[in-house]
Amino acid sequence: MPVQDIHAGREAFQRDLQSVLADSTLTDRGWSQPDDLTLLVPMLAENTQQGQVDLYLLRLFFDHYPKGPPSAQFINPLTMQYRFPDDVRWVPKCEGPQDIHFHTNYSGTYGQVVCSSTTLEFYKVNHDVKPEHVWDPSRMNFLATLAAIRRGLAPANYRGRSTQ
């Protein structure tokens, strides 16, 4: 489990964000940064079985970054928080991918967990992880987190909003 280091997290996040944005802006990407440790990323998920597209808001938090991945949580876009069980509909329901799962209340104790080795919560719940999937700050940044979540939200996996 990586150790919290807010100063390092802030610096690494700003550095990586500038690198990722290159010649674009947060607005160009549809992202927002409410403070210097948080990134809000809207994500669309297409449910081909029901013929609809759902919008989610993902909050990444960088207080253990870069030694650990960012915290990742889907939040209610109206309250900007996640409270179980009231906000379960703001967490996607996906089936199929082996490397990521979205839990509204993991094991009934941990609250929402985006189970992927690219999220901080994965390590907080002491998941087993193959060595090749362990977070490696020398070759990974928060784009690895976003890519993993987008793979989980692929139309072949997405089943709509969570209900429990």
N, C-alpha and C. Protein backbone atom coordinates (compact mmCIF):
# COMPACT_ATOMS: atom_id res chain seq x y z
N MET A 1 0.84 -1.18 0.00
CA MET A 1 0.00 0.00 0.00
C MET A 1 0.88 1.24 0.00
N PRO A 2 0.74 2.10 -1.00
CA PRO A 2 1.54 3.32 -1.05
C PRO A 2 1.18 4.26 0.12
N VAL A 3 2.13 5.07 0.50
CA VAL A 3 1.95 6.03 1.58
C VAL A 3 1.42 7.35 1.01
N GLN A 4 0.49 7.96 1.73
CA GLN A 4 -0.05 9.24 1.31
C GLN A 4 1.05 10.30 1.35
N ASP A 5 1.15 11.08 0.26
CA ASP A 5 2.09 12.19 0.18
C ASP A 5 1.44 13.27 -0.67
N ILE A 6 0.71 14.15 -0.02
CA ILE A 6 -0.07 15.16 -0.72
C ILE A 6 0.81 16.07 -1.57
N HIS A 7 1.96 16.48 -1.04
CA HIS A 7 2.85 17.37 -1.79
C HIS A 7 3.34 16.69 -3.07
N ALA A 8 3.82 15.46 -2.96
CA ALA A 8 4.30 14.73 -4.14
C ALA A 8 3.15 14.47 -5.11
N GLY A 9 1.98 14.14 -4.57
CA GLY A 9 0.82 13.89 -5.41
C GLY A 9 0.44 15.12 -6.22
N ARG A 10 0.43 16.26 -5.57
CA ARG A 10 0.08 17.51 -6.24
C ARG A 10 1.07 17.80 -7.37
N GLU A 11 2.35 17.69 -7.06
CA GLU A 11 3.37 17.99 -8.08
C GLU A 11 3.32 17.01 -9.25
N ALA A 12 3.23 15.73 -8.95
CA ALA A 12 3.21 14.72 -10.01
C ALA A 12 1.94 14.83 -10.86
N PHE A 13 0.81 15.07 -10.21
CA PHE A 13 -0.44 15.23 -10.95
C PHE A 13 -0.36 16.43 -11.90
N GLN A 14 0.13 17.56 -11.42
CA GLN A 14 0.23 18.75 -12.28
C GLN A 14 1.17 18.49 -13.45
N ARG A 15 2.30 17.83 -13.17
CA ARG A 15 3.26 17.51 -14.23
C ARG A 15 2.63 16.60 -15.28
N ASP A 16 2.00 15.52 -14.81
CA ASP A 16 1.41 14.56 -15.75
C ASP A 16 0.22 15.15 -16.48
N LEU A 17 -0.57 15.97 -15.79
CA LEU A 17 -1.72 16.61 -16.44
C LEU A 17 -1.25 17.51 -17.58
N GLN A 18 -0.23 18.31 -17.34
CA GLN A 18 0.29 19.19 -18.40
C GLN A 18 0.82 18.37 -19.58
N SER A 19 1.48 17.27 -19.26
CA SER A 19 2.00 16.40 -20.32
C SER A 19 0.87 15.78 -21.13
N VAL A 20 -0.15 15.32 -20.45
CA VAL A 20 -1.30 14.69 -21.13
C VAL A 20 -2.05 15.71 -21.97
N LEU A 21 -2.24 16.90 -21.43
CA LEU A 21 -2.99 17.93 -22.16
C LEU A 21 -2.22 18.42 -23.38
N ALA A 22 -0.89 18.47 -23.29
CA ALA A 22 -0.04 18.96 -24.39
C ALA A 22 -0.58 20.29 -24.91
N ASP A 23 -1.13 20.29 -26.12
CA ASP A 23 -1.64 21.52 -26.72
C ASP A 23 -3.13 21.71 -26.51
N SER A 24 -3.76 20.87 -25.70
CA SER A 24 -5.19 21.02 -25.44
C SER A 24 -5.41 21.60 -24.05
N THR A 25 -6.67 21.75 -23.68
CA THR A 25 -7.01 22.28 -22.36
C THR A 25 -7.95 21.30 -21.66
N LEU A 26 -8.18 21.53 -20.37
CA LEU A 26 -9.16 20.74 -19.64
C LEU A 26 -10.52 20.83 -20.33
N THR A 27 -10.89 22.02 -20.74
CA THR A 27 -12.18 22.23 -21.41
C THR A 27 -12.26 21.43 -22.70
N ASP A 28 -11.17 21.41 -23.47
CA ASP A 28 -11.16 20.65 -24.72
C ASP A 28 -11.49 19.18 -24.47
N ARG A 29 -11.03 18.66 -23.36
CA ARG A 29 -11.25 17.24 -23.02
C ARG A 29 -12.55 17.02 -22.27
N GLY A 30 -13.17 18.10 -21.83
CA GLY A 30 -14.39 17.97 -21.04
C GLY A 30 -14.13 17.68 -19.58
N TRP A 31 -12.90 17.82 -19.15
CA TRP A 31 -12.51 17.55 -17.78
C TRP A 31 -12.58 18.84 -16.97
N SER A 32 -12.58 18.70 -15.65
CA SER A 32 -12.45 19.87 -14.78
C SER A 32 -11.58 19.51 -13.59
N GLN A 33 -11.00 20.55 -13.00
CA GLN A 33 -10.08 20.37 -11.88
C GLN A 33 -10.52 21.30 -10.75
N PRO A 34 -11.40 20.81 -9.84
CA PRO A 34 -11.92 21.66 -8.78
C PRO A 34 -10.88 22.07 -7.74
N ASP A 35 -9.81 21.29 -7.61
CA ASP A 35 -8.70 21.65 -6.71
C ASP A 35 -7.44 21.00 -7.27
N ASP A 36 -6.31 21.22 -6.60
CA ASP A 36 -5.04 20.78 -7.17
C ASP A 36 -4.73 19.30 -6.96
N LEU A 37 -5.66 18.53 -6.39
CA LEU A 37 -5.49 17.09 -6.24
C LEU A 37 -6.62 16.28 -6.88
N THR A 38 -7.56 16.96 -7.53
CA THR A 38 -8.76 16.29 -8.05
C THR A 38 -8.96 16.56 -9.53
N LEU A 39 -9.34 15.52 -10.26
CA LEU A 39 -9.72 15.64 -11.66
C LEU A 39 -11.09 14.99 -11.83
N LEU A 40 -12.01 15.71 -12.45
CA LEU A 40 -13.34 15.19 -12.75
C LEU A 40 -13.42 14.88 -14.23
N VAL A 41 -13.82 13.64 -14.54
CA VAL A 41 -13.83 13.17 -15.92
C VAL A 41 -15.21 12.59 -16.25
N PRO A 42 -15.98 13.26 -17.12
CA PRO A 42 -17.24 12.68 -17.56
C PRO A 42 -16.95 11.46 -18.45
N MET A 43 -17.74 10.41 -18.29
CA MET A 43 -17.54 9.20 -19.08
C MET A 43 -18.89 8.73 -19.61
N LEU A 44 -18.91 8.40 -20.89
CA LEU A 44 -20.11 7.87 -21.52
C LEU A 44 -20.00 6.36 -21.63
N ALA A 45 -21.13 5.70 -21.44
CA ALA A 45 -21.18 4.24 -21.59
C ALA A 45 -22.40 3.90 -22.43
N GLU A 46 -22.17 3.12 -23.47
CA GLU A 46 -23.25 2.75 -24.38
C GLU A 46 -23.77 1.37 -24.04
N ASN A 47 -25.07 1.30 -23.77
CA ASN A 47 -25.74 0.03 -23.51
C ASN A 47 -26.42 -0.39 -24.81
N THR A 48 -25.73 -1.22 -25.58
CA THR A 48 -26.26 -1.61 -26.88
C THR A 48 -27.50 -2.48 -26.75
N GLN A 49 -27.65 -3.22 -25.65
CA GLN A 49 -28.83 -4.06 -25.44
C GLN A 49 -30.09 -3.23 -25.27
N GLN A 50 -29.95 -2.06 -24.63
CA GLN A 50 -31.11 -1.20 -24.40
C GLN A 50 -31.13 0.01 -25.34
N GLY A 51 -30.09 0.15 -26.14
CA GLY A 51 -30.03 1.24 -27.10
C GLY A 51 -29.96 2.62 -26.45
N GLN A 52 -29.18 2.74 -25.39
CA GLN A 52 -29.05 4.04 -24.73
C GLN A 52 -27.61 4.30 -24.34
N VAL A 53 -27.33 5.57 -24.10
CA VAL A 53 -26.00 6.00 -23.64
C VAL A 53 -26.19 6.69 -22.30
N ASP A 54 -25.39 6.30 -21.32
CA ASP A 54 -25.47 6.87 -19.99
C ASP A 54 -24.21 7.68 -19.69
N LEU A 55 -24.40 8.76 -18.95
CA LEU A 55 -23.30 9.63 -18.57
C LEU A 55 -22.95 9.40 -17.10
N TYR A 56 -21.65 9.28 -16.82
CA TYR A 56 -21.14 9.12 -15.46
C TYR A 56 -20.10 10.19 -15.21
N LEU A 57 -19.86 10.46 -13.94
CA LEU A 57 -18.81 11.40 -13.57
C LEU A 57 -17.82 10.68 -12.67
N LEU A 58 -16.59 10.58 -13.13
CA LEU A 58 -15.52 9.91 -12.41
C LEU A 58 -14.66 10.96 -11.73
N ARG A 59 -14.40 10.74 -10.43
CA ARG A 59 -13.49 11.63 -9.70
C ARG A 59 -12.19 10.87 -9.42
N LEU A 60 -11.09 11.44 -9.88
CA LEU A 60 -9.77 10.92 -9.57
C LEU A 60 -9.16 11.84 -8.51
N PHE A 61 -8.53 11.22 -7.50
CA PHE A 61 -7.91 11.99 -6.42
C PHE A 61 -6.48 11.50 -6.27
N PHE A 62 -5.53 12.42 -6.15
CA PHE A 62 -4.12 12.13 -6.32
C PHE A 62 -3.28 12.25 -5.04
N ASP A 63 -3.81 11.90 -3.89
CA ASP A 63 -3.06 12.08 -2.65
C ASP A 63 -2.01 11.01 -2.38
N HIS A 64 -2.00 9.91 -3.12
CA HIS A 64 -0.98 8.87 -2.99
C HIS A 64 -0.13 8.74 -4.27
N TYR A 65 -0.39 9.60 -5.19
CA TYR A 65 0.22 9.61 -6.52
C TYR A 65 1.60 10.25 -6.44
N PRO A 66 2.57 9.87 -7.20
CA PRO A 66 2.61 8.88 -8.26
C PRO A 66 3.02 7.48 -7.80
N LYS A 67 3.46 7.33 -6.54
CA LYS A 67 3.87 5.99 -6.09
C LYS A 67 2.72 5.01 -6.13
N GLY A 68 1.52 5.52 -5.93
CA GLY A 68 0.31 4.73 -6.06
C GLY A 68 -0.58 5.35 -7.10
N PRO A 69 -1.51 4.58 -7.62
CA PRO A 69 -2.44 5.13 -8.61
C PRO A 69 -3.41 6.11 -7.97
N PRO A 70 -4.11 6.88 -8.78
CA PRO A 70 -5.11 7.78 -8.19
C PRO A 70 -6.28 6.98 -7.62
N SER A 71 -6.93 7.58 -6.65
CA SER A 71 -8.20 7.06 -6.17
C SER A 71 -9.21 7.31 -7.28
N ALA A 72 -10.13 6.37 -7.48
CA ALA A 72 -11.14 6.52 -8.53
C ALA A 72 -12.51 6.20 -7.95
N GLN A 73 -13.45 7.11 -8.16
CA GLN A 73 -14.80 6.89 -7.66
C GLN A 73 -15.79 7.58 -8.59
N PHE A 74 -16.86 6.86 -8.91
CA PHE A 74 -17.96 7.47 -9.64
C PHE A 74 -18.81 8.23 -8.63
N ILE A 75 -19.17 9.47 -8.98
CA ILE A 75 -19.90 10.30 -8.03
C ILE A 75 -21.21 10.79 -8.64
N ASN A 76 -22.12 11.17 -7.77
CA ASN A 76 -23.38 11.79 -8.17
C ASN A 76 -23.03 13.19 -8.70
N PRO A 77 -23.35 13.49 -9.95
CA PRO A 77 -22.96 14.79 -10.50
C PRO A 77 -23.72 15.97 -9.88
N LEU A 78 -24.81 15.71 -9.17
CA LEU A 78 -25.57 16.78 -8.54
C LEU A 78 -25.00 17.15 -7.17
N THR A 79 -24.56 16.15 -6.41
CA THR A 79 -24.02 16.39 -5.08
C THR A 79 -22.50 16.38 -5.05
N MET A 80 -21.89 15.84 -6.09
CA MET A 80 -20.43 15.70 -6.20
C MET A 80 -19.88 14.76 -5.14
N GLN A 81 -20.71 13.82 -4.65
CA GLN A 81 -20.31 12.85 -3.65
C GLN A 81 -20.85 11.48 -4.04
N TYR A 82 -20.45 10.48 -3.28
CA TYR A 82 -21.03 9.14 -3.42
C TYR A 82 -21.43 8.66 -2.04
N ARG A 83 -22.72 8.37 -1.90
CA ARG A 83 -23.24 7.82 -0.64
C ARG A 83 -24.01 6.55 -0.97
N PHE A 84 -23.60 5.48 -0.32
CA PHE A 84 -24.29 4.20 -0.48
C PHE A 84 -25.44 4.17 0.52
N PRO A 85 -26.61 3.75 0.15
CA PRO A 85 -27.07 3.20 -1.13
C PRO A 85 -27.70 4.22 -2.06
N ASP A 86 -27.80 5.48 -1.61
CA ASP A 86 -28.52 6.49 -2.38
C ASP A 86 -27.99 6.71 -3.79
N ASP A 87 -26.68 6.59 -3.96
CA ASP A 87 -26.05 6.96 -5.24
C ASP A 87 -25.60 5.78 -6.09
N VAL A 88 -26.09 4.58 -5.82
CA VAL A 88 -25.63 3.42 -6.59
C VAL A 88 -25.90 3.57 -8.08
N ARG A 89 -26.92 4.31 -8.44
CA ARG A 89 -27.24 4.48 -9.87
C ARG A 89 -26.15 5.25 -10.63
N TRP A 90 -25.26 5.88 -9.91
CA TRP A 90 -24.18 6.63 -10.54
C TRP A 90 -22.92 5.78 -10.74
N VAL A 91 -23.04 4.48 -10.44
CA VAL A 91 -21.95 3.52 -10.66
C VAL A 91 -22.37 2.60 -11.80
N PRO A 92 -21.53 2.43 -12.81
CA PRO A 92 -21.89 1.56 -13.93
C PRO A 92 -21.93 0.09 -13.52
N LYS A 93 -22.76 -0.66 -14.21
CA LYS A 93 -22.82 -2.12 -14.03
C LYS A 93 -22.18 -2.73 -15.28
N CYS A 94 -21.13 -3.51 -15.07
CA CYS A 94 -20.41 -4.11 -16.18
C CYS A 94 -20.19 -5.59 -15.91
N GLU A 95 -20.16 -6.36 -16.97
CA GLU A 95 -19.89 -7.80 -16.88
C GLU A 95 -18.90 -8.18 -17.97
N GLY A 96 -18.01 -9.06 -17.64
CA GLY A 96 -17.12 -9.59 -18.67
C GLY A 96 -15.65 -9.35 -18.46
N PRO A 97 -15.23 -8.08 -18.30
CA PRO A 97 -13.78 -7.89 -18.21
C PRO A 97 -13.22 -8.50 -16.93
N GLN A 98 -12.09 -9.19 -17.05
CA GLN A 98 -11.49 -9.84 -15.90
C GLN A 98 -10.62 -8.90 -15.06
N ASP A 99 -10.19 -7.79 -15.66
CA ASP A 99 -9.23 -6.93 -14.96
C ASP A 99 -9.85 -5.70 -14.30
N ILE A 100 -11.19 -5.58 -14.35
CA ILE A 100 -11.83 -4.43 -13.71
C ILE A 100 -13.27 -4.77 -13.37
N HIS A 101 -13.68 -4.32 -12.21
CA HIS A 101 -15.08 -4.47 -11.76
C HIS A 101 -15.47 -3.21 -11.01
N PHE A 102 -16.74 -2.88 -11.06
CA PHE A 102 -17.26 -1.70 -10.38
C PHE A 102 -18.18 -2.17 -9.26
N HIS A 103 -17.79 -1.92 -8.02
CA HIS A 103 -18.57 -2.35 -6.86
C HIS A 103 -19.19 -1.13 -6.18
N THR A 104 -20.49 -1.20 -5.90
CA THR A 104 -21.16 -0.09 -5.22
C THR A 104 -20.85 -0.07 -3.73
N ASN A 105 -20.57 -1.26 -3.14
CA ASN A 105 -20.24 -1.36 -1.72
C ASN A 105 -19.45 -2.65 -1.52
N TYR A 106 -18.17 -2.61 -1.80
CA TYR A 106 -17.31 -3.78 -1.81
C TYR A 106 -17.32 -4.50 -0.46
N SER A 107 -17.69 -5.76 -0.48
CA SER A 107 -17.74 -6.62 0.71
C SER A 107 -18.61 -6.05 1.83
N GLY A 108 -19.47 -5.10 1.49
CA GLY A 108 -20.35 -4.52 2.49
C GLY A 108 -19.64 -3.63 3.50
N THR A 109 -18.34 -3.38 3.30
CA THR A 109 -17.57 -2.62 4.29
C THR A 109 -16.80 -1.45 3.70
N TYR A 110 -16.31 -1.60 2.50
CA TYR A 110 -15.36 -0.63 1.94
C TYR A 110 -16.00 0.50 1.14
N GLY A 111 -17.29 0.44 0.92
CA GLY A 111 -17.91 1.44 0.06
C GLY A 111 -17.60 1.13 -1.40
N GLN A 112 -17.74 2.14 -2.22
CA GLN A 112 -17.51 1.95 -3.65
C GLN A 112 -16.04 1.64 -3.92
N VAL A 113 -15.82 0.65 -4.77
CA VAL A 113 -14.46 0.31 -5.18
C VAL A 113 -14.46 0.03 -6.68
N VAL A 114 -13.62 0.76 -7.40
CA VAL A 114 -13.32 0.43 -8.78
C VAL A 114 -12.16 -0.54 -8.70
N CYS A 115 -12.46 -1.82 -8.86
CA CYS A 115 -11.45 -2.87 -8.68
C CYS A 115 -10.60 -3.00 -9.93
N SER A 116 -9.45 -2.38 -9.88
CA SER A 116 -8.46 -2.43 -10.95
C SER A 116 -7.13 -2.08 -10.32
N SER A 117 -6.08 -2.73 -10.76
CA SER A 117 -4.76 -2.43 -10.20
C SER A 117 -4.29 -1.03 -10.56
N THR A 118 -5.11 -0.29 -11.31
CA THR A 118 -4.80 1.10 -11.67
C THR A 118 -5.53 2.09 -10.78
N THR A 119 -6.16 1.59 -9.68
CA THR A 119 -6.84 2.48 -8.74
C THR A 119 -6.32 2.24 -7.33
N LEU A 120 -6.30 3.28 -6.53
CA LEU A 120 -5.80 3.19 -5.17
C LEU A 120 -6.63 2.24 -4.31
N GLU A 121 -7.94 2.25 -4.49
CA GLU A 121 -8.82 1.42 -3.66
C GLU A 121 -8.51 -0.06 -3.81
N PHE A 122 -8.05 -0.47 -4.96
CA PHE A 122 -7.66 -1.86 -5.20
C PHE A 122 -6.63 -2.31 -4.17
N TYR A 123 -5.68 -1.45 -3.89
CA TYR A 123 -4.62 -1.77 -2.93
C TYR A 123 -5.12 -1.61 -1.49
N LYS A 124 -6.05 -0.71 -1.26
CA LYS A 124 -6.58 -0.51 0.08
C LYS A 124 -7.36 -1.72 0.58
N VAL A 125 -7.97 -2.48 -0.34
CA VAL A 125 -8.71 -3.67 0.07
C VAL A 125 -7.84 -4.93 -0.02
N ASN A 126 -6.54 -4.74 -0.23
CA ASN A 126 -5.56 -5.83 -0.24
C ASN A 126 -5.86 -6.93 -1.26
N HIS A 127 -6.14 -6.51 -2.47
CA HIS A 127 -6.35 -7.47 -3.56
C HIS A 127 -5.04 -8.16 -3.92
N ASP A 128 -5.14 -9.41 -4.32
CA ASP A 128 -3.99 -10.07 -4.93
C ASP A 128 -3.81 -9.48 -6.32
N VAL A 129 -2.57 -9.37 -6.73
CA VAL A 129 -2.29 -8.81 -8.05
C VAL A 129 -1.04 -9.48 -8.61
N LYS A 130 -1.13 -9.82 -9.88
CA LYS A 130 0.03 -10.40 -10.55
C LYS A 130 1.10 -9.33 -10.69
N PRO A 131 2.37 -9.72 -10.57
CA PRO A 131 3.45 -8.73 -10.63
C PRO A 131 3.40 -7.82 -11.86
N GLU A 132 2.99 -8.35 -12.99
CA GLU A 132 2.96 -7.54 -14.21
C GLU A 132 1.85 -6.49 -14.21
N HIS A 133 0.91 -6.59 -13.25
CA HIS A 133 -0.19 -5.63 -13.18
C HIS A 133 -0.04 -4.62 -12.05
N VAL A 134 0.98 -4.75 -11.23
CA VAL A 134 1.19 -3.83 -10.12
C VAL A 134 1.49 -2.43 -10.67
N TRP A 135 0.93 -1.42 -10.02
CA TRP A 135 1.15 -0.04 -10.42
C TRP A 135 2.64 0.26 -10.43
N ASP A 136 3.12 0.80 -11.55
CA ASP A 136 4.54 1.13 -11.70
C ASP A 136 4.65 2.58 -12.18
N PRO A 137 5.00 3.50 -11.28
CA PRO A 137 5.05 4.92 -11.65
C PRO A 137 6.12 5.25 -12.69
N SER A 138 7.05 4.35 -12.92
CA SER A 138 8.06 4.63 -13.95
C SER A 138 7.51 4.44 -15.35
N ARG A 139 6.38 3.73 -15.47
CA ARG A 139 5.81 3.52 -16.80
C ARG A 139 4.31 3.81 -16.88
N MET A 140 3.71 4.25 -15.76
CA MET A 140 2.27 4.50 -15.74
C MET A 140 1.97 5.88 -15.18
N ASN A 141 0.87 6.46 -15.66
CA ASN A 141 0.32 7.66 -15.05
C ASN A 141 -1.20 7.51 -15.03
N PHE A 142 -1.90 8.56 -14.70
CA PHE A 142 -3.35 8.44 -14.53
C PHE A 142 -4.08 8.06 -15.82
N LEU A 143 -3.43 8.18 -16.97
CA LEU A 143 -4.07 7.71 -18.21
C LEU A 143 -4.27 6.20 -18.19
N ALA A 144 -3.41 5.46 -17.49
CA ALA A 144 -3.61 4.01 -17.35
C ALA A 144 -4.91 3.73 -16.59
N THR A 145 -5.20 4.55 -15.59
CA THR A 145 -6.45 4.42 -14.84
C THR A 145 -7.64 4.68 -15.75
N LEU A 146 -7.60 5.78 -16.48
CA LEU A 146 -8.71 6.11 -17.38
C LEU A 146 -8.89 5.05 -18.46
N ALA A 147 -7.79 4.54 -19.00
CA ALA A 147 -7.88 3.51 -20.05
C ALA A 147 -8.52 2.23 -19.50
N ALA A 148 -8.14 1.82 -18.29
CA ALA A 148 -8.71 0.61 -17.69
C ALA A 148 -10.22 0.78 -17.48
N ILE A 149 -10.63 1.94 -16.99
CA ILE A 149 -12.05 2.19 -16.75
C ILE A 149 -12.81 2.25 -18.06
N ARG A 150 -12.23 2.87 -19.06
CA ARG A 150 -12.90 2.90 -20.38
C ARG A 150 -13.06 1.50 -20.96
N ARG A 151 -12.07 0.64 -20.76
CA ARG A 151 -12.21 -0.76 -21.23
C ARG A 151 -13.37 -1.43 -20.50
N GLY A 152 -13.51 -1.17 -19.22
CA GLY A 152 -14.62 -1.74 -18.46
C GLY A 152 -15.96 -1.25 -18.95
N LEU A 153 -16.00 -0.02 -19.45
CA LEU A 153 -17.24 0.58 -19.94
C LEU A 153 -17.52 0.30 -21.41
N ALA A 154 -16.70 -0.51 -22.05
CA ALA A 154 -16.90 -0.82 -23.47
C ALA A 154 -18.31 -1.39 -23.68
N PRO A 155 -18.93 -1.10 -24.82
CA PRO A 155 -20.29 -1.59 -25.07
C PRO A 155 -20.47 -3.10 -24.85
N ALA A 156 -19.45 -3.89 -25.12
CA ALA A 156 -19.58 -5.34 -24.92
C ALA A 156 -19.72 -5.72 -23.44
N ASN A 157 -19.29 -4.82 -22.54
CA ASN A 157 -19.31 -5.09 -21.10
C ASN A 157 -20.41 -4.35 -20.34
N TYR A 158 -20.80 -3.21 -20.85
CA TYR A 158 -21.69 -2.31 -20.11
C TYR A 158 -23.13 -2.82 -20.09
N ARG A 159 -23.74 -2.86 -18.89
CA ARG A 159 -25.10 -3.38 -18.72
C ARG A 159 -26.05 -2.36 -18.11
N GLY A 160 -25.66 -1.10 -18.07
CA GLY A 160 -26.55 -0.07 -17.53
C GLY A 160 -26.09 0.39 -16.16
N ARG A 161 -26.97 1.09 -15.50
CA ARG A 161 -26.67 1.63 -14.18
C ARG A 161 -26.83 0.57 -13.10
N SER A 162 -26.03 0.66 -12.05
CA SER A 162 -26.17 -0.26 -10.92
C SER A 162 -27.49 0.02 -10.21
N THR A 163 -28.02 -1.05 -9.61
CA THR A 163 -29.28 -0.92 -8.87
C THR A 163 -29.14 -1.38 -7.45
N GLN A 164 -27.98 -1.89 -7.08
CA GLN A 164 -27.78 -2.37 -5.70
C GLN A 164 -26.41 -2.02 -5.20
